[in-house]
Amino acid sequence: MFGGNIVTAWYHPGRPFALISGDQPLVLDIEWWNIKECKVKYFNAGNCWQNAMRELLVDGGTIVIEQFEKKERARLTIAQQNAFRDAQERESHRKIDEEMRRLGF
């Protein structure tokens, strides 16, 4: 059998992952080769991290979708701003051309 899977989780509410050091509270450490050979190295029975994990599993997809949509809206907003600016420039040129024709140029 080749390879295996490992899941290690720390619970650090309110702190970015980059600031986490090795001495942070480990809450879950599991290794498995297949479903029959699962080794739980560490499991914290506390509810706080389990509730946070449950929320992440339930709402995680929604969070990712919201972040994607926010970036897409920003991208569209820039494109819309560019289109609006281009339309304003065309209108300005049209008015100048119209005024020049009226004045006989």
C-alpha atoms as a PDB file:
ATOM      1  CA  MET A   1       0.000   0.000   0.000  1.00  0.00           C
ATOM      2  CA  PHE A   2       1.342   3.439  -0.913  1.00  0.00           C
ATOM      3  CA  GLY A   3       0.881   6.719   0.883  1.00  0.00           C
ATOM      4  CA  GLY A   4      -1.654   7.678   3.467  1.00  0.00           C
ATOM      5  CA  ASN A   5      -3.664  10.624   4.649  1.00  0.00           C
ATOM      6  CA  ILE A   6      -3.142  12.864   7.637  1.00  0.00           C
ATOM      7  CA  VAL A   7      -5.423  15.488   9.127  1.00  0.00           C
ATOM      8  CA  THR A   8      -4.045  17.785  11.809  1.00  0.00           C
ATOM      9  CA  ALA A   9      -6.097  20.655  13.233  1.00  0.00           C
ATOM     10  CA  TRP A  10      -5.366  23.454  15.675  1.00  0.00           C
ATOM     11  CA  TYR A  11      -8.028  25.698  17.145  1.00  0.00           C
ATOM     12  CA  HIS A  12      -6.947  29.328  17.260  1.00  0.00           C
ATOM     13  CA  PRO A  13      -9.981  31.616  17.134  1.00  0.00           C
ATOM     14  CA  GLY A  14      -9.244  35.203  16.216  1.00  0.00           C
ATOM     15  CA  ARG A  15      -5.629  34.639  15.225  1.00  0.00           C
ATOM     16  CA  PRO A  16      -4.309  34.275  11.676  1.00  0.00           C
ATOM     17  CA  PHE A  17      -2.731  30.953  10.809  1.00  0.00           C
ATOM     18  CA  ALA A  18       0.605  32.633  10.032  1.00  0.00           C
ATOM     19  CA  LEU A  19       0.964  33.514  13.722  1.00  0.00           C
ATOM     20  CA  ILE A  20       0.398  29.954  14.918  1.00  0.00           C
ATOM     21  CA  SER A  21       3.441  28.248  16.345  1.00  0.00           C
ATOM     22  CA  GLY A  22       3.956  24.619  17.314  1.00  0.00           C
ATOM     23  CA  ASP A  23       2.813  25.262  20.874  1.00  0.00           C
ATOM     24  CA  GLN A  24      -0.758  26.185  19.877  1.00  0.00           C
ATOM     25  CA  PRO A  25      -3.552  23.923  21.078  1.00  0.00           C
ATOM     26  CA  LEU A  26      -3.718  20.847  18.899  1.00  0.00           C
ATOM     27  CA  VAL A  27      -7.299  19.558  18.742  1.00  0.00           C
ATOM     28  CA  LEU A  28      -7.211  16.777  16.165  1.00  0.00           C
ATOM     29  CA  ASP A  29      -4.548  14.539  14.657  1.00  0.00           C
ATOM     30  CA  ILE A  30      -5.628  11.570  12.528  1.00  0.00           C
ATOM     31  CA  GLU A  31      -3.783   9.307  10.112  1.00  0.00           C
ATOM     32  CA  TRP A  32      -5.357   6.697   7.840  1.00  0.00           C
ATOM     33  CA  TRP A  33      -4.523   4.360   5.020  1.00  0.00           C
ATOM     34  CA  ASN A  34      -8.088   3.313   4.355  1.00  0.00           C
ATOM     35  CA  ILE A  35     -11.336   3.451   6.266  1.00  0.00           C
ATOM     36  CA  LYS A  36     -10.501   0.271   8.184  1.00  0.00           C
ATOM     37  CA  GLU A  37      -7.062   1.461   9.276  1.00  0.00           C
ATOM     38  CA  CYS A  38      -7.662   4.823  10.942  1.00  0.00           C
ATOM     39  CA  LYS A  39      -5.325   5.883  13.729  1.00  0.00           C
ATOM     40  CA  VAL A  40      -6.447   8.743  15.974  1.00  0.00           C
ATOM     41  CA  LYS A  41      -3.237  10.183  17.384  1.00  0.00           C
ATOM     42  CA  TYR A  42      -4.961  12.995  19.291  1.00  0.00           C
ATOM     43  CA  PHE A  43      -8.548  14.115  19.822  1.00  0.00           C
ATOM     44  CA  ASN A  44      -9.624  17.016  22.047  1.00  0.00           C
ATOM     45  CA  ALA A  45     -13.136  16.282  23.317  1.00  0.00           C
ATOM     46  CA  GLY A  46     -13.925  19.978  23.876  1.00  0.00           C
ATOM     47  CA  ASN A  47     -16.971  21.393  22.102  1.00  0.00           C
ATOM     48  CA  CYS A  48     -15.609  24.794  21.013  1.00  0.00           C
ATOM     49  CA  TRP A  49     -13.438  23.584  18.188  1.00  0.00           C
ATOM     50  CA  GLN A  50     -15.980  20.935  17.167  1.00  0.00           C
ATOM     51  CA  ASN A  51     -18.709  23.567  16.816  1.00  0.00           C
ATOM     52  CA  ALA A  52     -16.369  25.776  14.768  1.00  0.00           C
ATOM     53  CA  MET A  53     -15.458  22.807  12.553  1.00  0.00           C
ATOM     54  CA  ARG A  54     -19.132  21.950  12.058  1.00  0.00           C
ATOM     55  CA  GLU A  55     -19.880  25.550  11.035  1.00  0.00           C
ATOM     56  CA  LEU A  56     -16.972  25.491   8.609  1.00  0.00           C
ATOM     57  CA  LEU A  57     -18.165  22.256   7.041  1.00  0.00           C
ATOM     58  CA  VAL A  58     -21.718  23.557   6.744  1.00  0.00           C
ATOM     59  CA  ASP A  59     -20.926  27.154   5.708  1.00  0.00           C
ATOM     60  CA  GLY A  60     -17.487  26.694   4.137  1.00  0.00           C
ATOM     61  CA  GLY A  61     -18.828  26.339   0.614  1.00  0.00           C
ATOM     62  CA  THR A  62     -20.959  29.427   1.071  1.00  0.00           C
ATOM     63  CA  ILE A  63     -17.942  31.383   2.329  1.00  0.00           C
ATOM     64  CA  VAL A  64     -15.848  30.369  -0.683  1.00  0.00           C
ATOM     65  CA  ILE A  65     -18.691  31.226  -3.066  1.00  0.00           C
ATOM     66  CA  GLU A  66     -19.172  34.628  -1.404  1.00  0.00           C
ATOM     67  CA  GLN A  67     -15.456  35.400  -1.740  1.00  0.00           C
ATOM     68  CA  PHE A  68     -15.501  34.389  -5.412  1.00  0.00           C
ATOM     69  CA  GLU A  69     -18.616  36.469  -6.086  1.00  0.00           C
ATOM     70  CA  LYS A  70     -17.070  39.476  -4.334  1.00  0.00           C
ATOM     71  CA  LYS A  71     -13.975  39.248  -6.556  1.00  0.00           C
ATOM     72  CA  GLU A  72     -16.172  38.774  -9.618  1.00  0.00           C
ATOM     73  CA  ARG A  73     -18.283  41.818  -8.683  1.00  0.00           C
ATOM     74  CA  ALA A  74     -15.103  43.880  -8.262  1.00  0.00           C
ATOM     75  CA  ARG A  75     -13.859  42.703 -11.664  1.00  0.00           C
ATOM     76  CA  LEU A  76     -17.218  43.476 -13.259  1.00  0.00           C
ATOM     77  CA  THR A  77     -17.328  46.818 -11.508  1.00  0.00           C
ATOM     78  CA  ILE A  78     -13.991  47.753 -13.089  1.00  0.00           C
ATOM     79  CA  ALA A  79     -15.229  46.597 -16.494  1.00  0.00           C
ATOM     80  CA  GLN A  80     -18.462  48.537 -16.014  1.00  0.00           C
ATOM     81  CA  GLN A  81     -16.514  51.641 -14.969  1.00  0.00           C
ATOM     82  CA  ASN A  82     -14.366  51.335 -18.092  1.00  0.00           C
ATOM     83  CA  ALA A  83     -17.441  50.898 -20.285  1.00  0.00           C
ATOM     84  CA  PHE A  84     -19.123  53.902 -18.653  1.00  0.00           C
ATOM     85  CA  ARG A  85     -16.001  56.038 -19.127  1.00  0.00           C
ATOM     86  CA  ASP A  86     -15.779  54.956 -22.783  1.00  0.00           C
ATOM     87  CA  ALA A  87     -19.443  55.839 -23.300  1.00  0.00           C
ATOM     88  CA  GLN A  88     -18.870  59.268 -21.728  1.00  0.00           C
ATOM     89  CA  GLU A  89     -15.885  59.878 -24.015  1.00  0.00           C
ATOM     90  CA  ARG A  90     -17.905  58.881 -27.096  1.00  0.00           C
ATOM     91  CA  GLU A  91     -20.733  61.199 -26.039  1.00  0.00           C
ATOM     92  CA  SER A  92     -18.260  64.024 -25.439  1.00  0.00           C
ATOM     93  CA  HIS A  93     -16.704  63.523 -28.901  1.00  0.00           C
ATOM     94  CA  ARG A  94     -20.168  63.401 -30.458  1.00  0.00           C
ATOM     95  CA  LYS A  95     -21.105  66.721 -28.828  1.00  0.00           C
ATOM     96  CA  ILE A  96     -17.854  68.333 -29.951  1.00  0.00           C
ATOM     97  CA  ASP A  97     -18.383  67.095 -33.521  1.00  0.00           C
ATOM     98  CA  GLU A  98     -21.962  68.366 -33.460  1.00  0.00           C
ATOM     99  CA  GLU A  99     -20.844  71.792 -32.190  1.00  0.00           C
ATOM    100  CA  MET A 100     -18.091  71.960 -34.822  1.00  0.00           C
ATOM    101  CA  ARG A 101     -20.634  71.218 -37.590  1.00  0.00           C
ATOM    102  CA  ARG A 102     -22.992  73.857 -36.168  1.00  0.00           C
ATOM    103  CA  LEU A 103     -20.173  76.410 -36.250  1.00  0.00           C
ATOM    104  CA  GLY A 104     -19.251  75.399 -39.808  1.00  0.00           C
ATOM    105  CA  PHE A 105     -15.952  73.645 -39.272  1.00  0.00           C
END
